[in-house]
Amino acid sequence: MLLTVGDLRKRMGVGRDCAYALMHSTAFPSMKIGGRYYISEEALEKWIKSMESKKIIIFFLLSFIKFFL
C-alpha cells in the first residue's frame, strides 16, 4: 500500500513541514507520481529499521525540525 504525506504524518507523529521535508529528501525512499509524493509501507518500515540500527533516527528527524525553526 502506498502512503501519502498525511499517512506519513500519522505514522511517524511529525508535522506537515517535516513530513514534506522527508518526502523530498533524497535519503528517503519516496516516489513522485503525478506531482504527489508517496512511500510504500514496506519501504517506510525498512527505512525506519535502518535508521534505528544506525541509532540516528532521532538526529535525522531533529535536523529537519531545526531546519524549519
C-alpha atoms as a PDB file:
ATOM      1  CA  MET A   1       0.000   0.000   0.000  1.00  0.00           C
ATOM      2  CA  LEU A   2       1.224   3.498  -0.809  1.00  0.00           C
ATOM      3  CA  LEU A   3       1.225   6.091   1.948  1.00  0.00           C
ATOM      4  CA  THR A   4       0.598   9.789   1.385  1.00  0.00           C
ATOM      5  CA  VAL A   5       2.154  12.698   3.253  1.00  0.00           C
ATOM      6  CA  GLY A   6      -0.868  12.668   5.572  1.00  0.00           C
ATOM      7  CA  ASP A   7      -0.398   8.966   6.266  1.00  0.00           C
ATOM      8  CA  LEU A   8       3.298   9.538   6.953  1.00  0.00           C
ATOM      9  CA  ARG A   9       2.444  12.288   9.440  1.00  0.00           C
ATOM     10  CA  LYS A  10       0.130   9.972  11.364  1.00  0.00           C
ATOM     11  CA  ARG A  11       2.527   7.006  11.326  1.00  0.00           C
ATOM     12  CA  MET A  12       5.575   8.984  12.417  1.00  0.00           C
ATOM     13  CA  GLY A  13       3.898  11.604  14.570  1.00  0.00           C
ATOM     14  CA  VAL A  14       5.511  14.511  12.748  1.00  0.00           C
ATOM     15  CA  GLY A  15       4.138  17.777  11.445  1.00  0.00           C
ATOM     16  CA  ARG A  16       3.281  18.704   7.869  1.00  0.00           C
ATOM     17  CA  ASP A  17       6.555  20.504   7.138  1.00  0.00           C
ATOM     18  CA  CYS A  18       8.673  17.661   8.481  1.00  0.00           C
ATOM     19  CA  ALA A  19       6.685  15.077   6.502  1.00  0.00           C
ATOM     20  CA  TYR A  20       7.136  17.056   3.285  1.00  0.00           C
ATOM     21  CA  ALA A  21      10.835  17.532   4.002  1.00  0.00           C
ATOM     22  CA  LEU A  22      11.237  13.783   4.432  1.00  0.00           C
ATOM     23  CA  MET A  23       9.333  13.034   1.228  1.00  0.00           C
ATOM     24  CA  HIS A  24      11.534  15.469  -0.712  1.00  0.00           C
ATOM     25  CA  SER A  25      14.779  14.161   0.779  1.00  0.00           C
ATOM     26  CA  THR A  26      16.994  12.052  -1.461  1.00  0.00           C
ATOM     27  CA  ALA A  27      17.845   9.945   1.609  1.00  0.00           C
ATOM     28  CA  PHE A  28      14.192   8.948   1.976  1.00  0.00           C
ATOM     29  CA  PRO A  29      12.707   6.211  -0.272  1.00  0.00           C
ATOM     30  CA  SER A  30       9.713   8.174  -1.528  1.00  0.00           C
ATOM     31  CA  MET A  31       8.428   8.376  -5.085  1.00  0.00           C
ATOM     32  CA  LYS A  32       6.676  11.104  -7.006  1.00  0.00           C
ATOM     33  CA  ILE A  33       3.622  10.122  -9.016  1.00  0.00           C
ATOM     34  CA  GLY A  34       1.697  12.805 -10.872  1.00  0.00           C
ATOM     35  CA  GLY A  35       3.002  15.630  -8.700  1.00  0.00           C
ATOM     36  CA  ARG A  36       2.322  13.846  -5.390  1.00  0.00           C
ATOM     37  CA  TYR A  37       4.759  12.063  -3.126  1.00  0.00           C
ATOM     38  CA  TYR A  38       4.203   8.549  -1.818  1.00  0.00           C
ATOM     39  CA  ILE A  39       6.105   5.892   0.079  1.00  0.00           C
ATOM     40  CA  SER A  40       5.241   2.226   0.325  1.00  0.00           C
ATOM     41  CA  GLU A  41       4.573   0.777   3.772  1.00  0.00           C
ATOM     42  CA  GLU A  42       7.367  -1.724   3.233  1.00  0.00           C
ATOM     43  CA  ALA A  43       9.869   0.971   2.237  1.00  0.00           C
ATOM     44  CA  LEU A  44       8.949   3.087   5.268  1.00  0.00           C
ATOM     45  CA  GLU A  45       9.361   0.156   7.665  1.00  0.00           C
ATOM     46  CA  LYS A  46      12.687  -0.782   6.092  1.00  0.00           C
ATOM     47  CA  TRP A  47      13.906   2.838   6.276  1.00  0.00           C
ATOM     48  CA  ILE A  48      12.896   3.171   9.940  1.00  0.00           C
ATOM     49  CA  LYS A  49      14.670  -0.082  10.813  1.00  0.00           C
ATOM     50  CA  SER A  50      17.804   1.012   9.003  1.00  0.00           C
ATOM     51  CA  MET A  51      17.763   4.349  10.832  1.00  0.00           C
ATOM     52  CA  GLU A  52      17.176   2.660  14.198  1.00  0.00           C
ATOM     53  CA  SER A  53      20.007   0.252  13.608  1.00  0.00           C
ATOM     54  CA  LYS A  54      22.286   3.205  12.958  1.00  0.00           C
ATOM     55  CA  LYS A  55      20.908   4.997  16.023  1.00  0.00           C
ATOM     56  CA  ILE A  56      20.395   8.211  14.058  1.00  0.00           C
ATOM     57  CA  ILE A  57      16.638   8.373  13.514  1.00  0.00           C
ATOM     58  CA  ILE A  58      16.162  10.991  16.242  1.00  0.00           C
ATOM     59  CA  PHE A  59      19.065  13.072  14.924  1.00  0.00           C
ATOM     60  CA  PHE A  60      17.698  12.796  11.376  1.00  0.00           C
ATOM     61  CA  LEU A  61      14.218  13.943  12.372  1.00  0.00           C
ATOM     62  CA  LEU A  62      15.517  16.710  14.635  1.00  0.00           C
ATOM     63  CA  SER A  63      17.677  18.067  11.836  1.00  0.00           C
ATOM     64  CA  PHE A  64      14.562  18.504   9.687  1.00  0.00           C
ATOM     65  CA  ILE A  65      12.644  20.132  12.522  1.00  0.00           C
ATOM     66  CA  LYS A  66      15.508  22.572  13.228  1.00  0.00           C
ATOM     67  CA  PHE A  67      15.631  23.427   9.516  1.00  0.00           C
ATOM     68  CA  PHE A  68      12.123  24.855   9.723  1.00  0.00           C
ATOM     69  CA  LEU A  69      12.543  26.753  13.011  1.00  0.00           C
END
